[in-house]
PDB file of N, CA and C in Angstrom:
ATOM      1  N   TYR A   1     156.173 169.654   1.481  1.00  0.00           N
ATOM      2  CA  TYR A   1     156.036 169.213   2.859  1.00  0.00           C
ATOM      3  C   TYR A   1     157.015 169.949   3.750  1.00  0.00           C
ATOM      4  N   GLU A   2     156.575 170.223   4.937  1.00  0.00           N
ATOM      5  CA  GLU A   2     157.482 170.776   5.920  1.00  0.00           C
ATOM      6  C   GLU A   2     158.150 169.620   6.641  1.00  0.00           C
ATOM      7  N   VAL A   3     159.314 169.884   7.181  1.00  0.00           N
ATOM      8  CA  VAL A   3     160.074 168.845   7.859  1.00  0.00           C
ATOM      9  C   VAL A   3     159.258 168.214   8.977  1.00  0.00           C
ATOM     10  N   ARG A   4     158.545 169.010   9.734  1.00  0.00           N
ATOM     11  CA  ARG A   4     157.787 168.457  10.864  1.00  0.00           C
ATOM     12  C   ARG A   4     156.719 167.452  10.423  1.00  0.00           C
ATOM     13  N   ASP A   5     156.307 167.507   9.166  1.00  0.00           N
ATOM     14  CA  ASP A   5     155.333 166.552   8.648  1.00  0.00           C
ATOM     15  C   ASP A   5     155.966 165.220   8.273  1.00  0.00           C
ATOM     16  N   ARG A   6     157.281 165.175   8.245  1.00  0.00           N
ATOM     17  CA  ARG A   6     157.985 163.977   7.791  1.00  0.00           C
ATOM     18  C   ARG A   6     158.775 163.283   8.885  1.00  0.00           C
ATOM     19  N   ILE A   7     158.773 163.818  10.082  1.00  0.00           N
ATOM     20  CA  ILE A   7     159.536 163.264  11.200  1.00  0.00           C
ATOM     21  C   ILE A   7     158.576 162.841  12.290  1.00  0.00           C
ATOM     22  N   LYS A   8     158.816 161.661  12.833  1.00  0.00           N
ATOM     23  CA  LYS A   8     158.004 161.183  13.945  1.00  0.00           C
ATOM     24  C   LYS A   8     158.919 160.969  15.147  1.00  0.00           C
ATOM     25  N   ILE A   9     158.595 161.613  16.241  1.00  0.00           N
ATOM     26  CA  ILE A   9     159.263 161.377  17.516  1.00  0.00           C
ATOM     27  C   ILE A   9     158.243 160.637  18.351  1.00  0.00           C
ATOM     28  N   MET A  10     158.552 159.392  18.629  1.00  0.00           N
ATOM     29  CA  MET A  10     157.563 158.483  19.196  1.00  0.00           C
ATOM     30  C   MET A  10     157.690 158.329  20.711  1.00  0.00           C
ATOM     31  N   ASP A  11     156.558 158.169  21.354  1.00  0.00           N
ATOM     32  CA  ASP A  11     156.523 157.693  22.726  1.00  0.00           C
ATOM     33  C   ASP A  11     156.681 156.173  22.657  1.00  0.00           C
ATOM     34  N   TYR A  12     156.608 155.522  23.799  1.00  0.00           N
ATOM     35  CA  TYR A  12     156.698 154.066  23.807  1.00  0.00           C
ATOM     36  C   TYR A  12     155.609 153.483  22.909  1.00  0.00           C
ATOM     37  N   THR A  13     155.979 152.484  22.157  1.00  0.00           N
ATOM     38  CA  THR A  13     155.009 151.778  21.327  1.00  0.00           C
ATOM     39  C   THR A  13     155.401 150.313  21.214  1.00  0.00           C
ATOM     40  N   SER A  14     154.412 149.469  21.140  1.00  0.00           N
ATOM     41  CA  SER A  14     154.681 148.047  20.901  1.00  0.00           C
ATOM     42  C   SER A  14     154.745 147.768  19.399  1.00  0.00           C
ATOM     43  N   GLU A  15     154.532 148.790  18.596  1.00  0.00           N
ATOM     44  CA  GLU A  15     154.532 148.659  17.135  1.00  0.00           C
ATOM     45  C   GLU A  15     155.856 149.062  16.511  1.00  0.00           C
ATOM     46  N   LEU A  16     156.940 149.048  17.275  1.00  0.00           N
ATOM     47  CA  LEU A  16     158.224 149.534  16.793  1.00  0.00           C
ATOM     48  C   LEU A  16     158.683 148.832  15.522  1.00  0.00           C
ATOM     49  N   TRP A  17     158.549 147.519  15.460  1.00  0.00           N
ATOM     50  CA  TRP A  17     159.010 146.770  14.279  1.00  0.00           C
ATOM     51  C   TRP A  17     158.292 147.235  13.015  1.00  0.00           C
ATOM     52  N   SER A  18     157.008 147.464  13.113  1.00  0.00           N
ATOM     53  CA  SER A  18     156.291 147.906  11.915  1.00  0.00           C
ATOM     54  C   SER A  18     156.766 149.287  11.478  1.00  0.00           C
ATOM     55  N   TRP A  19     157.135 150.148  12.413  1.00  0.00           N
ATOM     56  CA  TRP A  19     157.676 151.461  12.054  1.00  0.00           C
ATOM     57  C   TRP A  19     159.037 151.322  11.390  1.00  0.00           C
ATOM     58  N   PHE A  20     159.882 150.460  11.943  1.00  0.00           N
ATOM     59  CA  PHE A  20     161.211 150.243  11.336  1.00  0.00           C
ATOM     60  C   PHE A  20     161.080 149.791   9.888  1.00  0.00           C
ATOM     61  N   LYS A  21     160.144 148.906   9.643  1.00  0.00           N
ATOM     62  CA  LYS A  21     160.011 148.316   8.307  1.00  0.00           C
ATOM     63  C   LYS A  21     159.600 149.324   7.246  1.00  0.00           C
ATOM     64  N   VAL A  22     158.956 150.401   7.620  1.00  0.00           N
ATOM     65  CA  VAL A  22     158.533 151.404   6.634  1.00  0.00           C
ATOM     66  C   VAL A  22     159.358 152.690   6.696  1.00  0.00           C
ATOM     67  N   SER A  23     160.351 152.721   7.575  1.00  0.00           N
ATOM     68  CA  SER A  23     161.166 153.922   7.733  1.00  0.00           C
ATOM     69  C   SER A  23     162.337 153.927   6.763  1.00  0.00           C
ATOM     70  N   ASN A  24     162.713 155.116   6.327  1.00  0.00           N
ATOM     71  CA  ASN A  24     163.865 155.279   5.445  1.00  0.00           C
ATOM     72  C   ASN A  24     165.171 155.355   6.215  1.00  0.00           C
ATOM     73  N   VAL A  25     165.093 155.732   7.480  1.00  0.00           N
ATOM     74  CA  VAL A  25     166.288 155.814   8.325  1.00  0.00           C
ATOM     75  C   VAL A  25     165.862 155.827   9.790  1.00  0.00           C
ATOM     76  N   PHE A  26     166.682 155.202  10.626  1.00  0.00           N
ATOM     77  CA  PHE A  26     166.500 155.245  12.073  1.00  0.00           C
ATOM     78  C   PHE A  26     167.689 155.998  12.646  1.00  0.00           C
ATOM     79  N   VAL A  27     167.423 156.969  13.514  1.00  0.00           N
ATOM     80  CA  VAL A  27     168.471 157.794  14.092  1.00  0.00           C
ATOM     81  C   VAL A  27     168.533 157.530  15.587  1.00  0.00           C
ATOM     82  N   SER A  28     169.727 157.199  16.064  1.00  0.00           N
ATOM     83  CA  SER A  28     169.929 156.978  17.494  1.00  0.00           C
ATOM     84  C   SER A  28     171.179 157.745  17.914  1.00  0.00           C
ATOM     85  N   ILE A  29     170.955 158.848  18.596  1.00  0.00           N
ATOM     86  CA  ILE A  29     172.055 159.704  19.027  1.00  0.00           C
ATOM     87  C   ILE A  29     172.082 159.716  20.546  1.00  0.00           C
ATOM     88  N   SER A  30     173.131 159.142  21.102  1.00  0.00           N
ATOM     89  CA  SER A  30     173.279 159.130  22.552  1.00  0.00           C
ATOM     90  C   SER A  30     174.766 159.184  22.893  1.00  0.00           C
ATOM     91  N   ASN A  31     175.046 159.617  24.106  1.00  0.00           N
ATOM     92  CA  ASN A  31     176.437 159.694  24.561  1.00  0.00           C
ATOM     93  C   ASN A  31     176.983 158.336  24.982  1.00  0.00           C
ATOM     94  N   TYR A  32     176.107 157.458  25.434  1.00  0.00           N
ATOM     95  CA  TYR A  32     176.507 156.109  25.820  1.00  0.00           C
ATOM     96  C   TYR A  32     175.292 155.206  25.780  1.00  0.00           C
ATOM     97  N   GLU A  33     175.537 153.925  25.701  1.00  0.00           N
ATOM     98  CA  GLU A  33     174.482 152.903  25.680  1.00  0.00           C
ATOM     99  C   GLU A  33     174.937 151.742  26.544  1.00  0.00           C
ATOM    100  N   GLY A  34     173.990 150.983  27.025  1.00  0.00           N
ATOM    101  CA  GLY A  34     174.314 149.689  27.601  1.00  0.00           C
ATOM    102  C   GLY A  34     174.434 148.747  26.415  1.00  0.00           C
ATOM    103  N   LYS A  35     173.364 148.096  26.114  1.00  0.00           N
ATOM    104  CA  LYS A  35     173.249 147.301  24.887  1.00  0.00           C
ATOM    105  C   LYS A  35     172.282 148.080  24.008  1.00  0.00           C
ATOM    106  N   PRO A  36     172.719 148.512  22.836  1.00  0.00           N
ATOM    107  CA  PRO A  36     171.853 149.361  22.003  1.00  0.00           C
ATOM    108  C   PRO A  36     170.731 148.562  21.327  1.00  0.00           C
ATOM    109  N   ASN A  37     169.749 148.170  22.122  1.00  0.00           N
ATOM    110  CA  ASN A  37     168.680 147.300  21.634  1.00  0.00           C
ATOM    111  C   ASN A  37     167.884 147.901  20.484  1.00  0.00           C
ATOM    112  N   THR A  38     167.547 149.173  20.557  1.00  0.00           N
ATOM    113  CA  THR A  38     166.746 149.737  19.464  1.00  0.00           C
ATOM    114  C   THR A  38     167.539 149.779  18.162  1.00  0.00           C
ATOM    115  N   VAL A  39     168.840 149.995  18.258  1.00  0.00           N
ATOM    116  CA  VAL A  39     169.684 149.948  17.056  1.00  0.00           C
ATOM    117  C   VAL A  39     169.673 148.528  16.493  1.00  0.00           C
ATOM    118  N   LEU A  40     169.833 147.545  17.359  1.00  0.00           N
ATOM    119  CA  LEU A  40     169.799 146.142  16.913  1.00  0.00           C
ATOM    120  C   LEU A  40     168.451 145.784  16.298  1.00  0.00           C
ATOM    121  N   GLU A  41     167.379 146.286  16.876  1.00  0.00           N
ATOM    122  CA  GLU A  41     166.046 146.018  16.324  1.00  0.00           C
ATOM    123  C   GLU A  41     165.872 146.669  14.957  1.00  0.00           C
ATOM    124  N   ALA A  42     166.345 147.896  14.806  1.00  0.00           N
ATOM    125  CA  ALA A  42     166.272 148.557  13.502  1.00  0.00           C
ATOM    126  C   ALA A  42     167.072 147.773  12.470  1.00  0.00           C
ATOM    127  N   VAL A  43     168.265 147.364  12.843  1.00  0.00           N
ATOM    128  CA  VAL A  43     169.128 146.597  11.942  1.00  0.00           C
ATOM    129  C   VAL A  43     168.472 145.266  11.562  1.00  0.00           C
ATOM    130  N   ALA A  44     167.804 144.642  12.518  1.00  0.00           N
ATOM    131  CA  ALA A  44     167.151 143.355  12.250  1.00  0.00           C
ATOM    132  C   ALA A  44     166.041 143.477  11.217  1.00  0.00           C
ATOM    133  N   THR A  45     165.497 144.680  11.051  1.00  0.00           N
ATOM    134  CA  THR A  45     164.470 144.901  10.027  1.00  0.00           C
ATOM    135  C   THR A  45     165.053 145.485   8.742  1.00  0.00           C
ATOM    136  N   LYS A  46     166.382 145.594   8.702  1.00  0.00           N
ATOM    137  CA  LYS A  46     167.111 146.145   7.553  1.00  0.00           C
ATOM    138  C   LYS A  46     166.793 147.616   7.303  1.00  0.00           C
ATOM    139  N   CYS A  47     166.549 148.329   8.385  1.00  0.00           N
ATOM    140  CA  CYS A  47     166.332 149.771   8.314  1.00  0.00           C
ATOM    141  C   CYS A  47     167.700 150.453   8.401  1.00  0.00           C
ATOM    142  N   PRO A  48     168.023 151.354   7.486  1.00  0.00           N
ATOM    143  CA  PRO A  48     169.294 152.079   7.569  1.00  0.00           C
ATOM    144  C   PRO A  48     169.384 152.861   8.882  1.00  0.00           C
ATOM    145  N   VAL A  49     170.598 152.946   9.439  1.00  0.00           N
ATOM    146  CA  VAL A  49     170.775 153.624  10.718  1.00  0.00           C
ATOM    147  C   VAL A  49     171.814 154.731  10.635  1.00  0.00           C
ATOM    148  N   VAL A  50     171.504 155.829  11.309  1.00  0.00           N
ATOM    149  CA  VAL A  50     172.445 156.910  11.578  1.00  0.00           C
ATOM    150  C   VAL A  50     172.611 156.894  13.087  1.00  0.00           C
ATOM    151  N   ILE A  51     173.828 156.634  13.544  1.00  0.00           N
ATOM    152  CA  ILE A  51     174.040 156.422  14.971  1.00  0.00           C
ATOM    153  C   ILE A  51     175.238 157.220  15.474  1.00  0.00           C
ATOM    154  N   SER A  52     175.219 157.477  16.761  1.00  0.00           N
ATOM    155  CA  SER A  52     176.320 158.212  17.368  1.00  0.00           C
ATOM    156  C   SER A  52     177.583 157.359  17.369  1.00  0.00           C
ATOM    157  N   ASP A  53     178.693 158.038  17.208  1.00  0.00           N
ATOM    158  CA  ASP A  53     179.991 157.369  17.165  1.00  0.00           C
ATOM    159  C   ASP A  53     180.484 157.149  18.587  1.00  0.00           C
ATOM    160  N   ILE A  54     179.977 156.072  19.186  1.00  0.00           N
ATOM    161  CA  ILE A  54     180.337 155.708  20.556  1.00  0.00           C
ATOM    162  C   ILE A  54     180.780 154.246  20.559  1.00  0.00           C
ATOM    163  N   PRO A  55     181.561 153.839  21.560  1.00  0.00           N
ATOM    164  CA  PRO A  55     182.074 152.458  21.579  1.00  0.00           C
ATOM    165  C   PRO A  55     180.991 151.378  21.493  1.00  0.00           C
ATOM    166  N   GLU A  56     179.844 151.612  22.142  1.00  0.00           N
ATOM    167  CA  GLU A  56     178.788 150.591  22.134  1.00  0.00           C
ATOM    168  C   GLU A  56     178.249 150.361  20.725  1.00  0.00           C
ATOM    169  N   HIS A  57     178.162 151.405  19.923  1.00  0.00           N
ATOM    170  CA  HIS A  57     177.706 151.238  18.537  1.00  0.00           C
ATOM    171  C   HIS A  57     178.818 150.659  17.669  1.00  0.00           C
ATOM    172  N   ARG A  58     180.062 151.082  17.906  1.00  0.00           N
ATOM    173  CA  ARG A  58     181.200 150.566  17.137  1.00  0.00           C
ATOM    174  C   ARG A  58     181.423 149.077  17.408  1.00  0.00           C
ATOM    175  N   GLU A  59     180.993 148.621  18.568  1.00  0.00           N
ATOM    176  CA  GLU A  59     181.150 147.203  18.917  1.00  0.00           C
ATOM    177  C   GLU A  59     180.330 146.301  17.997  1.00  0.00           C
ATOM    178  N   ILE A  60     179.210 146.816  17.483  1.00  0.00           N
ATOM    179  CA  ILE A  60     178.341 145.972  16.670  1.00  0.00           C
ATOM    180  C   ILE A  60     178.335 146.337  15.192  1.00  0.00           C
ATOM    181  N   LEU A  61     178.665 147.596  14.859  1.00  0.00           N
ATOM    182  CA  LEU A  61     178.597 148.030  13.463  1.00  0.00           C
ATOM    183  C   LEU A  61     179.891 148.726  13.054  1.00  0.00           C
ATOM    184  N   ASP A  62     180.025 148.977  11.761  1.00  0.00           N
ATOM    185  CA  ASP A  62     181.208 149.668  11.244  1.00  0.00           C
ATOM    186  C   ASP A  62     180.782 150.637  10.145  1.00  0.00           C
ATOM    187  N   GLU A  63     181.761 151.253   9.491  1.00  0.00           N
ATOM    188  CA  GLU A  63     181.483 152.252   8.455  1.00  0.00           C
ATOM    189  C   GLU A  63     180.729 151.670   7.260  1.00  0.00           C
ATOM    190  N   ASN A  64     180.874 150.370   7.019  1.00  0.00           N
ATOM    191  CA  ASN A  64     180.192 149.731   5.893  1.00  0.00           C
ATOM    192  C   ASN A  64     178.761 149.325   6.202  1.00  0.00           C
ATOM    193  N   SER A  65     178.359 149.502   7.462  1.00  0.00           N
ATOM    194  CA  SER A  65     177.031 149.042   7.846  1.00  0.00           C
ATOM    195  C   SER A  65     176.180 150.121   8.513  1.00  0.00           C
ATOM    196  N   SER A  66     176.725 151.307   8.660  1.00  0.00           N
ATOM    197  CA  SER A  66     175.972 152.382   9.300  1.00  0.00           C
ATOM    198  C   SER A  66     176.626 153.718   8.991  1.00  0.00           C
ATOM    199  N   CYS A  67     175.952 154.768   9.398  1.00  0.00           N
ATOM    200  CA  CYS A  67     176.508 156.116   9.290  1.00  0.00           C
ATOM    201  C   CYS A  67     176.759 156.607  10.706  1.00  0.00           C
ATOM    202  N   PHE A  68     178.023 156.751  11.069  1.00  0.00           N
ATOM    203  CA  PHE A  68     178.381 157.251  12.394  1.00  0.00           C
ATOM    204  C   PHE A  68     178.457 158.770  12.375  1.00  0.00           C
ATOM    205  N   VAL A  69     177.952 159.391  13.424  1.00  0.00           N
ATOM    206  CA  VAL A  69     178.010 160.850  13.550  1.00  0.00           C
ATOM    207  C   VAL A  69     178.450 161.223  14.960  1.00  0.00           C
ATOM    208  N   THR A  70     179.038 162.389  15.078  1.00  0.00           N
ATOM    209  CA  THR A  70     179.465 162.894  16.375  1.00  0.00           C
ATOM    210  C   THR A  70     178.253 163.440  17.124  1.00  0.00           C
ATOM    211  N   VAL A  71     178.113 163.016  18.343  1.00  0.00           N
ATOM    212  CA  VAL A  71     176.942 163.370  19.149  1.00  0.00           C
ATOM    213  C   VAL A  71     176.767 164.882  19.272  1.00  0.00           C
ATOM    214  N   SER A  72     177.843 165.585  19.467  1.00  0.00           N
ATOM    215  CA  SER A  72     177.752 167.014  19.737  1.00  0.00           C
ATOM    216  C   SER A  72     177.734 167.880  18.475  1.00  0.00           C
ATOM    217  N   ASP A  73     177.763 167.270  17.302  1.00  0.00           N
ATOM    218  CA  ASP A  73     177.828 168.026  16.050  1.00  0.00           C
ATOM    219  C   ASP A  73     176.494 167.944  15.312  1.00  0.00           C
ATOM    220  N   ILE A  74     175.643 168.926  15.526  1.00  0.00           N
ATOM    221  CA  ILE A  74     174.295 168.931  14.941  1.00  0.00           C
ATOM    222  C   ILE A  74     174.353 168.897  13.420  1.00  0.00           C
ATOM    223  N   LYS A  75     175.306 169.606  12.840  1.00  0.00           N
ATOM    224  CA  LYS A  75     175.435 169.616  11.378  1.00  0.00           C
ATOM    225  C   LYS A  75     175.826 168.237  10.854  1.00  0.00           C
ATOM    226  N   ALA A  76     176.682 167.530  11.571  1.00  0.00           N
ATOM    227  CA  ALA A  76     177.076 166.181  11.157  1.00  0.00           C
ATOM    228  C   ALA A  76     175.890 165.216  11.249  1.00  0.00           C
ATOM    229  N   ILE A  77     175.081 165.379  12.282  1.00  0.00           N
ATOM    230  CA  ILE A  77     173.892 164.537  12.435  1.00  0.00           C
ATOM    231  C   ILE A  77     172.939 164.788  11.264  1.00  0.00           C
ATOM    232  N   ALA A  78     172.701 166.057  10.974  1.00  0.00           N
ATOM    233  CA  ALA A  78     171.821 166.405   9.848  1.00  0.00           C
ATOM    234  C   ALA A  78     172.389 165.873   8.539  1.00  0.00           C
ATOM    235  N   ALA A  79     173.702 166.003   8.346  1.00  0.00           N
ATOM    236  CA  ALA A  79     174.337 165.513   7.117  1.00  0.00           C
ATOM    237  C   ALA A  79     174.197 163.998   6.994  1.00  0.00           C
ATOM    238  N   GLY A  80     174.321 163.282   8.110  1.00  0.00           N
ATOM    239  CA  GLY A  80     174.156 161.827   8.088  1.00  0.00           C
ATOM    240  C   GLY A  80     172.749 161.425   7.688  1.00  0.00           C
ATOM    241  N   ILE A  81     171.771 162.127   8.214  1.00  0.00           N
ATOM    242  CA  ILE A  81     170.379 161.846   7.866  1.00  0.00           C
ATOM    243  C   ILE A  81     170.121 162.171   6.393  1.00  0.00           C
ATOM    244  N   ILE A  82     170.598 163.326   5.957  1.00  0.00           N
ATOM    245  CA  ILE A  82     170.414 163.727   4.555  1.00  0.00           C
ATOM    246  C   ILE A  82     171.080 162.742   3.614  1.00  0.00           C
ATOM    247  N   LYS A  83     172.282 162.287   3.966  1.00  0.00           N
ATOM    248  CA  LYS A  83     172.991 161.313   3.123  1.00  0.00           C
ATOM    249  C   LYS A  83     172.188 160.021   2.996  1.00  0.00           C
ATOM    250  N   ALA A  84     171.673 159.527   4.110  1.00  0.00           N
ATOM    251  CA  ALA A  84     170.881 158.287   4.075  1.00  0.00           C
ATOM    252  C   ALA A  84     169.628 158.451   3.231  1.00  0.00           C
ATOM    253  N   LEU A  85     169.003 159.613   3.328  1.00  0.00           N
ATOM    254  CA  LEU A  85     167.768 159.848   2.581  1.00  0.00           C
ATOM    255  C   LEU A  85     168.015 160.157   1.104  1.00  0.00           C
ATOM    256  N   SER A  86     169.137 160.798   0.807  1.00  0.00           N
ATOM    257  CA  SER A  86     169.390 161.202  -0.580  1.00  0.00           C
ATOM    258  C   SER A  86     170.048 160.109  -1.408  1.00  0.00           C
ATOM    259  N   ASP A  87     170.607 159.102  -0.752  1.00  0.00           N
ATOM    260  CA  ASP A  87     171.211 157.978  -1.480  1.00  0.00           C
ATOM    261  C   ASP A  87     170.639 156.669  -0.934  1.00  0.00           C
ATOM    262  N   PRO A  88     169.372 156.374  -1.271  1.00  0.00           N
ATOM    263  CA  PRO A  88     168.718 155.193  -0.695  1.00  0.00           C
ATOM    264  C   PRO A  88     169.393 153.875  -1.078  1.00  0.00           C
ATOM    265  N   ASP A  89     170.033 153.819  -2.236  1.00  0.00           N
ATOM    266  CA  ASP A  89     170.720 152.580  -2.621  1.00  0.00           C
ATOM    267  C   ASP A  89     171.890 152.293  -1.685  1.00  0.00           C
ATOM    268  N   GLU A  90     172.683 153.322  -1.394  1.00  0.00           N
ATOM    269  CA  GLU A  90     173.796 153.134  -0.457  1.00  0.00           C
ATOM    270  C   GLU A  90     173.270 152.818   0.940  1.00  0.00           C
ATOM    271  N   ALA A  91     172.212 153.512   1.351  1.00  0.00           N
ATOM    272  CA  ALA A  91     171.633 153.270   2.671  1.00  0.00           C
ATOM    273  C   ALA A  91     171.135 151.831   2.784  1.00  0.00           C
ATOM    274  N   LYS A  92     170.485 151.326   1.739  1.00  0.00           N
ATOM    275  CA  LYS A  92     170.001 149.938   1.755  1.00  0.00           C
ATOM    276  C   LYS A  92     171.165 148.949   1.762  1.00  0.00           C
ATOM    277  N   HIS A  93     172.231 149.272   1.036  1.00  0.00           N
ATOM    278  CA  HIS A  93     173.418 148.415   1.020  1.00  0.00           C
ATOM    279  C   HIS A  93     174.032 148.332   2.420  1.00  0.00           C
ATOM    280  N   LYS A  94     174.163 149.486   3.065  1.00  0.00           N
ATOM    281  CA  LYS A  94     174.686 149.490   4.431  1.00  0.00           C
ATOM    282  C   LYS A  94     173.756 148.742   5.382  1.00  0.00           C
ATOM    283  N   ALA A  95     172.452 148.903   5.199  1.00  0.00           N
ATOM    284  CA  ALA A  95     171.486 148.209   6.052  1.00  0.00           C
ATOM    285  C   ALA A  95     171.605 146.700   5.888  1.00  0.00           C
ATOM    286  N   GLU A  96     171.826 146.251   4.663  1.00  0.00           N
ATOM    287  CA  GLU A  96     172.022 144.812   4.414  1.00  0.00           C
ATOM    288  C   GLU A  96     173.308 144.330   5.089  1.00  0.00           C
ATOM    289  N   ASN A  97     174.374 145.123   4.981  1.00  0.00           N
ATOM    290  CA  ASN A  97     175.632 144.771   5.651  1.00  0.00           C
ATOM    291  C   ASN A  97     175.442 144.707   7.165  1.00  0.00           C
ATOM    292  N   ALA A  98     174.700 145.660   7.706  1.00  0.00           N
ATOM    293  CA  ALA A  98     174.439 145.680   9.144  1.00  0.00           C
ATOM    294  C   ALA A  98     173.668 144.432   9.563  1.00  0.00           C
ATOM    295  N   TYR A  99     172.656 144.098   8.788  1.00  0.00           N
ATOM    296  CA  TYR A  99     171.853 142.908   9.072  1.00  0.00           C
ATOM    297  C   TYR A  99     172.742 141.659   9.105  1.00  0.00           C
ATOM    298  N   ASN A 100     173.621 141.543   8.123  1.00  0.00           N
ATOM    299  CA  ASN A 100     174.513 140.379   8.053  1.00  0.00           C
ATOM    300  C   ASN A 100     175.493 140.343   9.221  1.00  0.00           C
ATOM    301  N   LYS A 101     175.893 141.508   9.734  1.00  0.00           N
ATOM    302  CA  LYS A 101     176.796 141.549  10.884  1.00  0.00           C
ATOM    303  C   LYS A 101     176.112 141.085  12.162  1.00  0.00           C
ATOM    304  N   VAL A 102     174.847 141.461  12.353  1.00  0.00           N
ATOM    305  CA  VAL A 102     174.195 141.162  13.629  1.00  0.00           C
ATOM    306  C   VAL A 102     173.392 139.866  13.629  1.00  0.00           C
ATOM    307  N   LYS A 103     173.179 139.271  12.477  1.00  0.00           N
ATOM    308  CA  LYS A 103     172.382 138.036  12.475  1.00  0.00           C
ATOM    309  C   LYS A 103     173.094 136.900  13.213  1.00  0.00           C
ATOM    310  N   ILE A 104     174.383 137.057  13.468  1.00  0.00           N
ATOM    311  CA  ILE A 104     175.104 136.039  14.254  1.00  0.00           C
ATOM    312  C   ILE A 104     174.590 135.980  15.689  1.00  0.00           C
ATOM    313  N   TRP A 105     173.819 136.984  16.109  1.00  0.00           N
ATOM    314  CA  TRP A 105     173.257 137.001  17.453  1.00  0.00           C
ATOM    315  C   TRP A 105     171.791 136.609  17.472  1.00  0.00           C
ATOM    316  N   SER A 106     171.284 136.041  16.387  1.00  0.00           N
ATOM    317  CA  SER A 106     169.881 135.632  16.371  1.00  0.00           C
ATOM    318  C   SER A 106     169.670 134.499  17.373  1.00  0.00           C
ATOM    319  N   THR A 107     168.451 134.335  17.819  1.00  0.00           N
ATOM    320  CA  THR A 107     168.124 133.281  18.777  1.00  0.00           C
ATOM    321  C   THR A 107     168.548 131.922  18.252  1.00  0.00           C
ATOM    322  N   GLU A 108     168.266 131.662  16.981  1.00  0.00           N
ATOM    323  CA  GLU A 108     168.596 130.366  16.387  1.00  0.00           C
ATOM    324  C   GLU A 108     170.108 130.136  16.352  1.00  0.00           C
ATOM    325  N   THR A 109     170.853 131.159  15.958  1.00  0.00           N
ATOM    326  CA  THR A 109     172.308 131.019  15.859  1.00  0.00           C
ATOM    327  C   THR A 109     172.925 130.801  17.235  1.00  0.00           C
ATOM    328  N   VAL A 110     172.498 131.579  18.217  1.00  0.00           N
ATOM    329  CA  VAL A 110     173.037 131.430  19.565  1.00  0.00           C
ATOM    330  C   VAL A 110     172.683 130.057  20.134  1.00  0.00           C
ATOM    331  N   ALA A 111     171.455 129.607  19.929  1.00  0.00           N
ATOM    332  CA  ALA A 111     171.053 128.272  20.403  1.00  0.00           C
ATOM    333  C   ALA A 111     171.899 127.192  19.745  1.00  0.00           C
ATOM    334  N   ASP A 112     172.136 127.315  18.446  1.00  0.00           N
ATOM    335  CA  ASP A 112     172.985 126.339  17.741  1.00  0.00           C
ATOM    336  C   ASP A 112     174.395 126.310  18.322  1.00  0.00           C
ATOM    337  N   LYS A 113     174.946 127.455  18.647  1.00  0.00           N
ATOM    338  CA  LYS A 113     176.298 127.530  19.236  1.00  0.00           C
ATOM    339  C   LYS A 113     176.338 126.855  20.598  1.00  0.00           C
ATOM    340  N   TYR A 114     175.297 127.046  21.413  1.00  0.00           N
ATOM    341  CA  TYR A 114     175.239 126.371  22.705  1.00  0.00           C
ATOM    342  C   TYR A 114     175.172 124.854  22.519  1.00  0.00           C
ATOM    343  N   ILE A 115     174.337 124.404  21.611  1.00  0.00           N
ATOM    344  CA  ILE A 115     174.212 122.964  21.363  1.00  0.00           C
ATOM    345  C   ILE A 115     175.542 122.391  20.888  1.00  0.00           C
ATOM    346  N   GLU A 116     176.201 123.100  19.990  1.00  0.00           N
ATOM    347  CA  GLU A 116     177.517 122.667  19.494  1.00  0.00           C
ATOM    348  C   GLU A 116     178.518 122.575  20.647  1.00  0.00           C
ATOM    349  N   PHE A 117     178.514 123.582  21.516  1.00  0.00           N
ATOM    350  CA  PHE A 117     179.419 123.581  22.664  1.00  0.00           C
ATOM    351  C   PHE A 117     179.137 122.394  23.586  1.00  0.00           C
ATOM    352  N   TYR A 118     177.859 122.126  23.896  1.00  0.00           N
ATOM    353  CA  TYR A 118     177.505 121.013  24.781  1.00  0.00           C
ATOM    354  C   TYR A 118     177.892 119.669  24.176  1.00  0.00           C
ATOM    355  N   HIS A 119     177.728 119.526  22.863  1.00  0.00           N
ATOM    356  CA  HIS A 119     178.149 118.278  22.214  1.00  0.00           C
ATOM    357  C   HIS A 119     179.663 118.098  22.323  1.00  0.00           C
ATOM    358  N   LYS A 120     180.420 119.146  22.120  1.00  0.00           N
ATOM    359  CA  LYS A 120     181.879 119.058  22.262  1.00  0.00           C
ATOM    360  C   LYS A 120     182.249 118.682  23.684  1.00  0.00           C
ATOM    361  N   LEU A 121     181.587 119.317  24.636  1.00  0.00           N
ATOM    362  CA  LEU A 121     181.856 119.048  26.045  1.00  0.00           C
ATOM    363  C   LEU A 121     181.565 117.586  26.391  1.00  0.00           C
ATOM    364  N   LEU A 122     180.425 117.073  25.912  1.00  0.00           N
ATOM    365  CA  LEU A 122     180.042 115.695  26.201  1.00  0.00           C
ATOM    366  C   LEU A 122     180.968 114.682  25.528  1.00  0.00           C
ATOM    367  N   ASN A 123     181.549 115.051  24.425  1.00  0.00           N
ATOM    368  CA  ASN A 123     182.431 114.149  23.694  1.00  0.00           C
ATOM    369  C   ASN A 123     183.881 114.196  24.151  1.00  0.00           C
ATOM    370  N   GLN A 124     184.201 115.060  25.103  1.00  0.00           N
ATOM    371  CA  GLN A 124     185.571 115.125  25.598  1.00  0.00           C
ATOM    372  C   GLN A 124     185.888 113.873  26.400  1.00  0.00           C
ATOM    373  N   LYS A 125     187.121 113.446  26.258  1.00  0.00           N
ATOM    374  CA  LYS A 125     187.572 112.272  27.004  1.00  0.00           C
ATOM    375  C   LYS A 125     187.539 112.552  28.502  1.00  0.00           C
ATOM    376  N   GLY A 126     187.034 111.618  29.257  1.00  0.00           N
ATOM    377  CA  GLY A 126     186.986 111.752  30.702  1.00  0.00           C
ATOM    378  C   GLY A 126     185.755 112.449  31.231  1.00  0.00           C
ATOM    379  N   PHE A 127     184.846 112.838  30.358  1.00  0.00           N
ATOM    380  CA  PHE A 127     183.632 113.490  30.830  1.00  0.00           C
ATOM    381  C   PHE A 127     182.594 112.409  31.077  1.00  0.00           C
ATOM    382  N   ASN A 128     182.178 112.266  32.314  1.00  0.00           N
ATOM    383  CA  ASN A 128     181.174 111.255  32.675  1.00  0.00           C
ATOM    384  C   ASN A 128     179.988 111.929  33.346  1.00  0.00           C
ATOM    385  N   LEU A 129     178.818 111.427  33.028  1.00  0.00           N
ATOM    386  CA  LEU A 129     177.608 111.909  33.700  1.00  0.00           C
ATOM    387  C   LEU A 129     177.259 111.021  34.846  1.00  0.00           C
TER     388      LEU A 129
END
């Protein structure tokens, strides 16, 4: 196979989750991010990630949960992708670690935290409705 037969550069799609679930690696290389939603979505499907070493990515992941690469270093980016593809067990282990790091932001977990906070607030002395 030629490399071009194995790489997909996608336009917008509503089928992103299904692609993540069958992908061996997700690559997100950018100089900056707001909230890296596509990285979070890939992680939520336990897809291994190769991501740029920027503060926004470091805020959610670490060396044990992803492969960080320098944005301006094409060889480092290629090496990160090759490493993820050539050692699928390590890539899956990191993907599992990433999933465990970000699941604290799931809808259910965040809702539970709000409910817990409101119960504490209502139970404080002097709080009257």
